[in-house]
Amino acid sequence: MKYVCEVSEIDVGEMKGFDIDGTRVLVLNADGEIKACDGICPHQEVLLEEGIFDGCLLTCHSHLWQWNVQTGEIEQEAEEDLKFFDVKVDDGKVFVIGL
């Protein structure tokens, strides 16, 4: 389990990328629920933090691949799964499990 950030650093509907031990991790605030996924698009290694997040759908800006961050499911265009990590929030701190 790795500490990533404070919950207060990521407003509702926002996302932020972090380098954790050589892995780019994207932390998202999906309607008050903190989610975390691989920060690099599996298609062409584009930073997903440069994409679009509407609070539910994460869209890579390069080729418009999309994933539903609530379910982890592929949405339109995406041809590969995005790796999601388990998250623990404790005393306002975000920890990612499985790194």
PDB file of N, CA and C in Angstrom:
ATOM      1  N   MET A   1       0.858  -1.173   0.000  1.00  0.00           N
ATOM      2  CA  MET A   1       0.000   0.000   0.000  1.00  0.00           C
ATOM      3  C   MET A   1       0.899   1.229   0.000  1.00  0.00           C
ATOM      4  N   LYS A   2       0.651   2.142  -0.945  1.00  0.00           N
ATOM      5  CA  LYS A   2       1.483   3.329  -1.104  1.00  0.00           C
ATOM      6  C   LYS A   2       0.661   4.594  -0.914  1.00  0.00           C
ATOM      7  N   TYR A   3       1.200   5.507  -0.128  1.00  0.00           N
ATOM      8  CA  TYR A   3       0.576   6.828   0.021  1.00  0.00           C
ATOM      9  C   TYR A   3       0.733   7.582  -1.293  1.00  0.00           C
ATOM     10  N   VAL A   4      -0.353   8.238  -1.733  1.00  0.00           N
ATOM     11  CA  VAL A   4      -0.311   8.983  -2.983  1.00  0.00           C
ATOM     12  C   VAL A   4      -0.504  10.477  -2.761  1.00  0.00           C
ATOM     13  N   CYS A   5      -1.558  10.855  -2.051  1.00  0.00           N
ATOM     14  CA  CYS A   5      -1.866  12.277  -1.890  1.00  0.00           C
ATOM     15  C   CYS A   5      -2.931  12.458  -0.811  1.00  0.00           C
ATOM     16  N   GLU A   6      -3.287  13.694  -0.586  1.00  0.00           N
ATOM     17  CA  GLU A   6      -4.406  14.031   0.290  1.00  0.00           C
ATOM     18  C   GLU A   6      -5.673  14.098  -0.559  1.00  0.00           C
ATOM     19  N   VAL A   7      -6.795  13.675  -0.023  1.00  0.00           N
ATOM     20  CA  VAL A   7      -8.074  13.756  -0.740  1.00  0.00           C
ATOM     21  C   VAL A   7      -8.345  15.193  -1.162  1.00  0.00           C
ATOM     22  N   SER A   8      -7.991  16.138  -0.334  1.00  0.00           N
ATOM     23  CA  SER A   8      -8.259  17.553  -0.598  1.00  0.00           C
ATOM     24  C   SER A   8      -7.525  18.092  -1.827  1.00  0.00           C
ATOM     25  N   GLU A   9      -6.543  17.353  -2.327  1.00  0.00           N
ATOM     26  CA  GLU A   9      -5.797  17.790  -3.515  1.00  0.00           C
ATOM     27  C   GLU A   9      -6.572  17.595  -4.809  1.00  0.00           C
ATOM     28  N   ILE A  10      -7.648  16.782  -4.757  1.00  0.00           N
ATOM     29  CA  ILE A  10      -8.379  16.452  -5.977  1.00  0.00           C
ATOM     30  C   ILE A  10      -9.863  16.743  -5.777  1.00  0.00           C
ATOM     31  N   ASP A  11     -10.333  17.816  -6.377  1.00  0.00           N
ATOM     32  CA  ASP A  11     -11.732  18.200  -6.262  1.00  0.00           C
ATOM     33  C   ASP A  11     -12.636  17.209  -6.982  1.00  0.00           C
ATOM     34  N   VAL A  12     -13.899  17.215  -6.628  1.00  0.00           N
ATOM     35  CA  VAL A  12     -14.891  16.361  -7.285  1.00  0.00           C
ATOM     36  C   VAL A  12     -14.865  16.639  -8.788  1.00  0.00           C
ATOM     37  N   GLY A  13     -14.802  15.563  -9.563  1.00  0.00           N
ATOM     38  CA  GLY A  13     -14.778  15.684 -11.020  1.00  0.00           C
ATOM     39  C   GLY A  13     -13.404  15.983 -11.595  1.00  0.00           C
ATOM     40  N   GLU A  14     -12.389  15.987 -10.745  1.00  0.00           N
ATOM     41  CA  GLU A  14     -11.029  16.289 -11.189  1.00  0.00           C
ATOM     42  C   GLU A  14     -10.148  15.045 -11.127  1.00  0.00           C
ATOM     43  N   MET A  15      -8.965  15.143 -11.720  1.00  0.00           N
ATOM     44  CA  MET A  15      -7.993  14.053 -11.705  1.00  0.00           C
ATOM     45  C   MET A  15      -6.595  14.653 -11.626  1.00  0.00           C
ATOM     46  N   LYS A  16      -5.658  13.828 -11.165  1.00  0.00           N
ATOM     47  CA  LYS A  16      -4.280  14.280 -11.036  1.00  0.00           C
ATOM     48  C   LYS A  16      -3.359  13.072 -11.139  1.00  0.00           C
ATOM     49  N   GLY A  17      -2.260  13.231 -11.870  1.00  0.00           N
ATOM     50  CA  GLY A  17      -1.308  12.145 -12.046  1.00  0.00           C
ATOM     51  C   GLY A  17      -0.166  12.214 -11.051  1.00  0.00           C
ATOM     52  N   PHE A  18       0.348  11.045 -10.667  1.00  0.00           N
ATOM     53  CA  PHE A  18       1.448  10.940  -9.708  1.00  0.00           C
ATOM     54  C   PHE A  18       2.405   9.848 -10.166  1.00  0.00           C
ATOM     55  N   ASP A  19       3.695  10.053  -9.905  1.00  0.00           N
ATOM     56  CA  ASP A  19       4.691   8.999 -10.122  1.00  0.00           C
ATOM     57  C   ASP A  19       4.921   8.299  -8.792  1.00  0.00           C
ATOM     58  N   ILE A  20       4.619   7.015  -8.744  1.00  0.00           N
ATOM     59  CA  ILE A  20       4.783   6.223  -7.534  1.00  0.00           C
ATOM     60  C   ILE A  20       5.733   5.073  -7.856  1.00  0.00           C
ATOM     61  N   ASP A  21       6.933   5.139  -7.339  1.00  0.00           N
ATOM     62  CA  ASP A  21       7.925   4.078  -7.553  1.00  0.00           C
ATOM     63  C   ASP A  21       8.055   3.674  -9.019  1.00  0.00           C
ATOM     64  N   GLY A  22       8.094   4.667  -9.903  1.00  0.00           N
ATOM     65  CA  GLY A  22       8.274   4.402 -11.327  1.00  0.00           C
ATOM     66  C   GLY A  22       7.011   4.077 -12.095  1.00  0.00           C
ATOM     67  N   THR A  23       5.864   4.110 -11.440  1.00  0.00           N
ATOM     68  CA  THR A  23       4.582   3.858 -12.103  1.00  0.00           C
ATOM     69  C   THR A  23       3.772   5.145 -12.107  1.00  0.00           C
ATOM     70  N   ARG A  24       3.240   5.517 -13.269  1.00  0.00           N
ATOM     71  CA  ARG A  24       2.371   6.687 -13.359  1.00  0.00           C
ATOM     72  C   ARG A  24       0.976   6.250 -12.953  1.00  0.00           C
ATOM     73  N   VAL A  25       0.442   6.896 -11.928  1.00  0.00           N
ATOM     74  CA  VAL A  25      -0.877   6.577 -11.389  1.00  0.00           C
ATOM     75  C   VAL A  25      -1.768   7.802 -11.526  1.00  0.00           C
ATOM     76  N   LEU A  26      -2.977   7.589 -11.994  1.00  0.00           N
ATOM     77  CA  LEU A  26      -3.958   8.658 -12.115  1.00  0.00           C
ATOM     78  C   LEU A  26      -4.985   8.485 -11.005  1.00  0.00           C
ATOM     79  N   VAL A  27      -5.147   9.517 -10.183  1.00  0.00           N
ATOM     80  CA  VAL A  27      -6.139   9.505  -9.111  1.00  0.00           C
ATOM     81  C   VAL A  27      -7.274  10.422  -9.530  1.00  0.00           C
ATOM     82  N   LEU A  28      -8.494   9.909  -9.412  1.00  0.00           N
ATOM     83  CA  LEU A  28      -9.676  10.639  -9.856  1.00  0.00           C
ATOM     84  C   LEU A  28     -10.686  10.741  -8.726  1.00  0.00           C
ATOM     85  N   ASN A  29     -11.394  11.856  -8.688  1.00  0.00           N
ATOM     86  CA  ASN A  29     -12.470  12.029  -7.723  1.00  0.00           C
ATOM     87  C   ASN A  29     -13.781  11.925  -8.489  1.00  0.00           C
ATOM     88  N   ALA A  30     -14.381  10.745  -8.428  1.00  0.00           N
ATOM     89  CA  ALA A  30     -15.615  10.445  -9.154  1.00  0.00           C
ATOM     90  C   ALA A  30     -16.803  10.650  -8.237  1.00  0.00           C
ATOM     91  N   ASP A  31     -17.326  11.866  -8.253  1.00  0.00           N
ATOM     92  CA  ASP A  31     -18.511  12.189  -7.447  1.00  0.00           C
ATOM     93  C   ASP A  31     -18.269  11.930  -5.962  1.00  0.00           C
ATOM     94  N   GLY A  32     -17.066  12.258  -5.504  1.00  0.00           N
ATOM     95  CA  GLY A  32     -16.714  12.100  -4.097  1.00  0.00           C
ATOM     96  C   GLY A  32     -16.052  10.782  -3.755  1.00  0.00           C
ATOM     97  N   GLU A  33     -16.006   9.856  -4.695  1.00  0.00           N
ATOM     98  CA  GLU A  33     -15.351   8.569  -4.486  1.00  0.00           C
ATOM     99  C   GLU A  33     -13.993   8.589  -5.188  1.00  0.00           C
ATOM    100  N   ILE A  34     -12.942   8.293  -4.450  1.00  0.00           N
ATOM    101  CA  ILE A  34     -11.593   8.325  -5.003  1.00  0.00           C
ATOM    102  C   ILE A  34     -11.314   7.016  -5.731  1.00  0.00           C
ATOM    103  N   LYS A  35     -10.850   7.135  -6.967  1.00  0.00           N
ATOM    104  CA  LYS A  35     -10.485   6.005  -7.818  1.00  0.00           C
ATOM    105  C   LYS A  35      -9.034   6.181  -8.247  1.00  0.00           C
ATOM    106  N   ALA A  36      -8.386   5.092  -8.645  1.00  0.00           N
ATOM    107  CA  ALA A  36      -7.014   5.172  -9.147  1.00  0.00           C
ATOM    108  C   ALA A  36      -6.832   4.158 -10.270  1.00  0.00           C
ATOM    109  N   CYS A  37      -6.092   4.569 -11.281  1.00  0.00           N
ATOM    110  CA  CYS A  37      -5.829   3.690 -12.416  1.00  0.00           C
ATOM    111  C   CYS A  37      -4.437   3.978 -12.966  1.00  0.00           C
ATOM    112  N   ASP A  38      -4.031   3.148 -13.898  1.00  0.00           N
ATOM    113  CA  ASP A  38      -2.780   3.375 -14.595  1.00  0.00           C
ATOM    114  C   ASP A  38      -2.870   4.746 -15.252  1.00  0.00           C
ATOM    115  N   GLY A  39      -1.844   5.551 -15.121  1.00  0.00           N
ATOM    116  CA  GLY A  39      -1.864   6.902 -15.659  1.00  0.00           C
ATOM    117  C   GLY A  39      -1.450   7.008 -17.113  1.00  0.00           C
ATOM    118  N   ILE A  40      -1.119   5.874 -17.720  1.00  0.00           N
ATOM    119  CA  ILE A  40      -0.684   5.838 -19.114  1.00  0.00           C
ATOM    120  C   ILE A  40      -1.707   5.047 -19.927  1.00  0.00           C
ATOM    121  N   CYS A  41      -2.142   5.611 -21.036  1.00  0.00           N
ATOM    122  CA  CYS A  41      -3.090   4.915 -21.916  1.00  0.00           C
ATOM    123  C   CYS A  41      -2.429   3.650 -22.460  1.00  0.00           C
ATOM    124  N   PRO A  42      -3.141   2.518 -22.439  1.00  0.00           N
ATOM    125  CA  PRO A  42      -2.554   1.277 -22.932  1.00  0.00           C
ATOM    126  C   PRO A  42      -2.377   1.255 -24.450  1.00  0.00           C
ATOM    127  N   HIS A  43      -2.898   2.245 -25.135  1.00  0.00           N
ATOM    128  CA  HIS A  43      -2.821   2.271 -26.585  1.00  0.00           C
ATOM    129  C   HIS A  43      -1.467   2.760 -27.078  1.00  0.00           C
ATOM    130  N   GLN A  44      -1.098   3.998 -26.736  1.00  0.00           N
ATOM    131  CA  GLN A  44       0.155   4.544 -27.238  1.00  0.00           C
ATOM    132  C   GLN A  44       0.918   5.321 -26.177  1.00  0.00           C
ATOM    133  N   GLU A  45       0.783   4.908 -24.941  1.00  0.00           N
ATOM    134  CA  GLU A  45       1.542   5.475 -23.832  1.00  0.00           C
ATOM    135  C   GLU A  45       1.397   6.997 -23.705  1.00  0.00           C
ATOM    136  N   VAL A  46       0.171   7.474 -23.850  1.00  0.00           N
ATOM    137  CA  VAL A  46      -0.159   8.880 -23.666  1.00  0.00           C
ATOM    138  C   VAL A  46      -0.558   9.084 -22.207  1.00  0.00           C
ATOM    139  N   LEU A  47      -0.174  10.211 -21.617  1.00  0.00           N
ATOM    140  CA  LEU A  47      -0.583  10.524 -20.245  1.00  0.00           C
ATOM    141  C   LEU A  47      -2.089  10.768 -20.193  1.00  0.00           C
ATOM    142  N   LEU A  48      -2.789   9.970 -19.412  1.00  0.00           N
ATOM    143  CA  LEU A  48      -4.237  10.117 -19.313  1.00  0.00           C
ATOM    144  C   LEU A  48      -4.653  11.388 -18.575  1.00  0.00           C
ATOM    145  N   GLU A  49      -3.779  11.947 -17.750  1.00  0.00           N
ATOM    146  CA  GLU A  49      -4.117  13.185 -17.050  1.00  0.00           C
ATOM    147  C   GLU A  49      -4.291  14.354 -18.011  1.00  0.00           C
ATOM    148  N   GLU A  50      -3.819  14.200 -19.246  1.00  0.00           N
ATOM    149  CA  GLU A  50      -3.999  15.228 -20.268  1.00  0.00           C
ATOM    150  C   GLU A  50      -5.325  15.059 -20.998  1.00  0.00           C
ATOM    151  N   GLY A  51      -6.072  14.021 -20.648  1.00  0.00           N
ATOM    152  CA  GLY A  51      -7.348  13.740 -21.284  1.00  0.00           C
ATOM    153  C   GLY A  51      -8.495  14.465 -20.624  1.00  0.00           C
ATOM    154  N   ILE A  52      -9.663  13.897 -20.773  1.00  0.00           N
ATOM    155  CA  ILE A  52     -10.905  14.497 -20.279  1.00  0.00           C
ATOM    156  C   ILE A  52     -11.534  13.548 -19.267  1.00  0.00           C
ATOM    157  N   PHE A  53     -12.004  14.116 -18.170  1.00  0.00           N
ATOM    158  CA  PHE A  53     -12.721  13.342 -17.156  1.00  0.00           C
ATOM    159  C   PHE A  53     -13.979  14.107 -16.797  1.00  0.00           C
ATOM    160  N   ASP A  54     -15.135  13.484 -17.016  1.00  0.00           N
ATOM    161  CA  ASP A  54     -16.403  14.168 -16.750  1.00  0.00           C
ATOM    162  C   ASP A  54     -17.029  13.753 -15.420  1.00  0.00           C
ATOM    163  N   GLY A  55     -16.251  13.086 -14.580  1.00  0.00           N
ATOM    164  CA  GLY A  55     -16.771  12.611 -13.310  1.00  0.00           C
ATOM    165  C   GLY A  55     -17.122  11.133 -13.336  1.00  0.00           C
ATOM    166  N   CYS A  56     -17.239  10.590 -14.547  1.00  0.00           N
ATOM    167  CA  CYS A  56     -17.521   9.169 -14.717  1.00  0.00           C
ATOM    168  C   CYS A  56     -16.661   8.571 -15.825  1.00  0.00           C
ATOM    169  N   LEU A  57     -16.668   9.191 -16.993  1.00  0.00           N
ATOM    170  CA  LEU A  57     -15.899   8.688 -18.125  1.00  0.00           C
ATOM    171  C   LEU A  57     -14.546   9.366 -18.218  1.00  0.00           C
ATOM    172  N   LEU A  58     -13.518   8.547 -18.397  1.00  0.00           N
ATOM    173  CA  LEU A  58     -12.163   9.024 -18.627  1.00  0.00           C
ATOM    174  C   LEU A  58     -11.871   8.828 -20.107  1.00  0.00           C
ATOM    175  N   THR A  59     -11.475   9.904 -20.787  1.00  0.00           N
ATOM    176  CA  THR A  59     -11.223   9.863 -22.221  1.00  0.00           C
ATOM    177  C   THR A  59      -9.784  10.253 -22.502  1.00  0.00           C
ATOM    178  N   CYS A  60      -9.072   9.395 -23.207  1.00  0.00           N
ATOM    179  CA  CYS A  60      -7.720   9.709 -23.653  1.00  0.00           C
ATOM    180  C   CYS A  60      -7.826  10.752 -24.762  1.00  0.00           C
ATOM    181  N   HIS A  61      -7.054  11.805 -24.659  1.00  0.00           N
ATOM    182  CA  HIS A  61      -7.140  12.891 -25.644  1.00  0.00           C
ATOM    183  C   HIS A  61      -6.555  12.526 -27.002  1.00  0.00           C
ATOM    184  N   SER A  62      -5.726  11.497 -27.037  1.00  0.00           N
ATOM    185  CA  SER A  62      -5.036  11.167 -28.269  1.00  0.00           C
ATOM    186  C   SER A  62      -5.929  10.463 -29.297  1.00  0.00           C
ATOM    187  N   HIS A  63      -6.632   9.411 -28.880  1.00  0.00           N
ATOM    188  CA  HIS A  63      -7.466   8.661 -29.816  1.00  0.00           C
ATOM    189  C   HIS A  63      -8.879   8.428 -29.305  1.00  0.00           C
ATOM    190  N   LEU A  64      -9.246   9.141 -28.253  1.00  0.00           N
ATOM    191  CA  LEU A  64     -10.608   9.133 -27.704  1.00  0.00           C
ATOM    192  C   LEU A  64     -11.055   7.803 -27.115  1.00  0.00           C
ATOM    193  N   TRP A  65     -10.100   6.977 -26.689  1.00  0.00           N
ATOM    194  CA  TRP A  65     -10.475   5.774 -25.953  1.00  0.00           C
ATOM    195  C   TRP A  65     -11.114   6.211 -24.645  1.00  0.00           C
ATOM    196  N   GLN A  66     -12.136   5.464 -24.186  1.00  0.00           N
ATOM    197  CA  GLN A  66     -12.854   5.824 -22.958  1.00  0.00           C
ATOM    198  C   GLN A  66     -13.032   4.621 -22.038  1.00  0.00           C
ATOM    199  N   TRP A  67     -12.999   4.937 -20.728  1.00  0.00           N
ATOM    200  CA  TRP A  67     -13.277   3.946 -19.687  1.00  0.00           C
ATOM    201  C   TRP A  67     -14.204   4.564 -18.664  1.00  0.00           C
ATOM    202  N   ASN A  68     -15.111   3.744 -18.140  1.00  0.00           N
ATOM    203  CA  ASN A  68     -15.997   4.165 -17.065  1.00  0.00           C
ATOM    204  C   ASN A  68     -15.249   3.923 -15.752  1.00  0.00           C
ATOM    205  N   VAL A  69     -14.931   4.975 -15.017  1.00  0.00           N
ATOM    206  CA  VAL A  69     -14.132   4.806 -13.799  1.00  0.00           C
ATOM    207  C   VAL A  69     -14.947   4.215 -12.653  1.00  0.00           C
ATOM    208  N   GLN A  70     -16.264   4.285 -12.733  1.00  0.00           N
ATOM    209  CA  GLN A  70     -17.101   3.678 -11.697  1.00  0.00           C
ATOM    210  C   GLN A  70     -17.076   2.155 -11.790  1.00  0.00           C
ATOM    211  N   THR A  71     -17.077   1.639 -13.025  1.00  0.00           N
ATOM    212  CA  THR A  71     -17.149   0.186 -13.228  1.00  0.00           C
ATOM    213  C   THR A  71     -15.828  -0.418 -13.704  1.00  0.00           C
ATOM    214  N   GLY A  72     -14.943   0.415 -14.246  1.00  0.00           N
ATOM    215  CA  GLY A  72     -13.702  -0.074 -14.823  1.00  0.00           C
ATOM    216  C   GLY A  72     -13.883  -0.631 -16.229  1.00  0.00           C
ATOM    217  N   GLU A  73     -15.098  -0.556 -16.742  1.00  0.00           N
ATOM    218  CA  GLU A  73     -15.416  -1.115 -18.051  1.00  0.00           C
ATOM    219  C   GLU A  73     -14.977  -0.208 -19.192  1.00  0.00           C
ATOM    220  N   ILE A  74     -14.669  -0.831 -20.315  1.00  0.00           N
ATOM    221  CA  ILE A  74     -14.372  -0.114 -21.554  1.00  0.00           C
ATOM    222  C   ILE A  74     -15.648   0.537 -22.063  1.00  0.00           C
ATOM    223  N   GLU A  75     -15.505   1.766 -22.528  1.00  0.00           N
ATOM    224  CA  GLU A  75     -16.607   2.452 -23.202  1.00  0.00           C
ATOM    225  C   GLU A  75     -16.240   2.543 -24.677  1.00  0.00           C
ATOM    226  N   GLN A  76     -16.843   3.460 -25.400  1.00  0.00           N
ATOM    227  CA  GLN A  76     -16.613   3.504 -26.844  1.00  0.00           C
ATOM    228  C   GLN A  76     -15.149   3.746 -27.204  1.00  0.00           C
ATOM    229  N   GLU A  77     -14.759   3.173 -28.302  1.00  0.00           N
ATOM    230  CA  GLU A  77     -13.439   3.307 -28.917  1.00  0.00           C
ATOM    231  C   GLU A  77     -12.335   2.464 -28.278  1.00  0.00           C
ATOM    232  N   ALA A  78     -12.304   2.334 -26.974  1.00  0.00           N
ATOM    233  CA  ALA A  78     -11.195   1.631 -26.327  1.00  0.00           C
ATOM    234  C   ALA A  78     -11.180   0.153 -26.724  1.00  0.00           C
ATOM    235  N   GLU A  79      -9.988  -0.340 -26.973  1.00  0.00           N
ATOM    236  CA  GLU A  79      -9.833  -1.733 -27.369  1.00  0.00           C
ATOM    237  C   GLU A  79      -9.074  -2.540 -26.327  1.00  0.00           C
ATOM    238  N   GLU A  80      -8.606  -1.883 -25.276  1.00  0.00           N
ATOM    239  CA  GLU A  80      -7.879  -2.571 -24.212  1.00  0.00           C
ATOM    240  C   GLU A  80      -8.369  -2.084 -22.857  1.00  0.00           C
ATOM    241  N   ASP A  81      -8.336  -2.985 -21.882  1.00  0.00           N
ATOM    242  CA  ASP A  81      -8.695  -2.620 -20.512  1.00  0.00           C
ATOM    243  C   ASP A  81      -7.671  -1.656 -19.944  1.00  0.00           C
ATOM    244  N   LEU A  82      -8.119  -0.841 -19.031  1.00  0.00           N
ATOM    245  CA  LEU A  82      -7.255   0.045 -18.266  1.00  0.00           C
ATOM    246  C   LEU A  82      -7.120  -0.569 -16.877  1.00  0.00           C
ATOM    247  N   LYS A  83      -5.912  -0.620 -16.367  1.00  0.00           N
ATOM    248  CA  LYS A  83      -5.694  -1.218 -15.054  1.00  0.00           C
ATOM    249  C   LYS A  83      -6.154  -0.251 -13.958  1.00  0.00           C
ATOM    250  N   PHE A  84      -7.043  -0.729 -13.102  1.00  0.00           N
ATOM    251  CA  PHE A  84      -7.499   0.038 -11.944  1.00  0.00           C
ATOM    252  C   PHE A  84      -6.895  -0.565 -10.688  1.00  0.00           C
ATOM    253  N   PHE A  85      -6.602   0.281  -9.720  1.00  0.00           N
ATOM    254  CA  PHE A  85      -6.020  -0.139  -8.453  1.00  0.00           C
ATOM    255  C   PHE A  85      -7.052   0.007  -7.343  1.00  0.00           C
ATOM    256  N   ASP A  86      -6.945  -0.835  -6.335  1.00  0.00           N
ATOM    257  CA  ASP A  86      -7.755  -0.647  -5.139  1.00  0.00           C
ATOM    258  C   ASP A  86      -7.231   0.568  -4.402  1.00  0.00           C
ATOM    259  N   VAL A  87      -8.145   1.295  -3.784  1.00  0.00           N
ATOM    260  CA  VAL A  87      -7.814   2.530  -3.074  1.00  0.00           C
ATOM    261  C   VAL A  87      -8.318   2.441  -1.642  1.00  0.00           C
ATOM    262  N   LYS A  88      -7.523   2.960  -0.736  1.00  0.00           N
ATOM    263  CA  LYS A  88      -7.958   3.099   0.651  1.00  0.00           C
ATOM    264  C   LYS A  88      -7.791   4.566   1.031  1.00  0.00           C
ATOM    265  N   VAL A  89      -8.842   5.131   1.620  1.00  0.00           N
ATOM    266  CA  VAL A  89      -8.775   6.495   2.127  1.00  0.00           C
ATOM    267  C   VAL A  89      -8.824   6.408   3.640  1.00  0.00           C
ATOM    268  N   ASP A  90      -7.809   6.982   4.279  1.00  0.00           N
ATOM    269  CA  ASP A  90      -7.710   6.928   5.733  1.00  0.00           C
ATOM    270  C   ASP A  90      -7.288   8.294   6.244  1.00  0.00           C
ATOM    271  N   ASP A  91      -8.131   8.898   7.055  1.00  0.00           N
ATOM    272  CA  ASP A  91      -7.841  10.194   7.663  1.00  0.00           C
ATOM    273  C   ASP A  91      -7.465  11.243   6.609  1.00  0.00           C
ATOM    274  N   GLY A  92      -8.203  11.246   5.487  1.00  0.00           N
ATOM    275  CA  GLY A  92      -7.978  12.236   4.437  1.00  0.00           C
ATOM    276  C   GLY A  92      -6.796  11.950   3.523  1.00  0.00           C
ATOM    277  N   LYS A  93      -6.179  10.803   3.697  1.00  0.00           N
ATOM    278  CA  LYS A  93      -5.029  10.409   2.881  1.00  0.00           C
ATOM    279  C   LYS A  93      -5.448   9.301   1.909  1.00  0.00           C
ATOM    280  N   VAL A  94      -4.932   9.384   0.680  1.00  0.00           N
ATOM    281  CA  VAL A  94      -5.220   8.395  -0.345  1.00  0.00           C
ATOM    282  C   VAL A  94      -4.053   7.422  -0.449  1.00  0.00           C
ATOM    283  N   PHE A  95      -4.364   6.140  -0.340  1.00  0.00           N
ATOM    284  CA  PHE A  95      -3.377   5.076  -0.496  1.00  0.00           C
ATOM    285  C   PHE A  95      -3.823   4.186  -1.650  1.00  0.00           C
ATOM    286  N   VAL A  96      -2.868   3.770  -2.475  1.00  0.00           N
ATOM    287  CA  VAL A  96      -3.160   2.852  -3.570  1.00  0.00           C
ATOM    288  C   VAL A  96      -2.579   1.494  -3.215  1.00  0.00           C
ATOM    289  N   ILE A  97      -3.399   0.468  -3.381  1.00  0.00           N
ATOM    290  CA  ILE A  97      -3.017  -0.892  -3.050  1.00  0.00           C
ATOM    291  C   ILE A  97      -2.636  -1.627  -4.335  1.00  0.00           C
ATOM    292  N   GLY A  98      -1.582  -2.383  -4.288  1.00  0.00           N
ATOM    293  CA  GLY A  98      -1.207  -3.204  -5.425  1.00  0.00           C
ATOM    294  C   GLY A  98      -0.099  -2.657  -6.285  1.00  0.00           C
ATOM    295  N   LEU A  99       0.553  -1.643  -5.811  1.00  0.00           N
ATOM    296  CA  LEU A  99       1.715  -1.106  -6.560  1.00  0.00           C
ATOM    297  C   LEU A  99       2.978  -1.776  -6.112  1.00  0.00           C
TER     298      LEU A  99
END
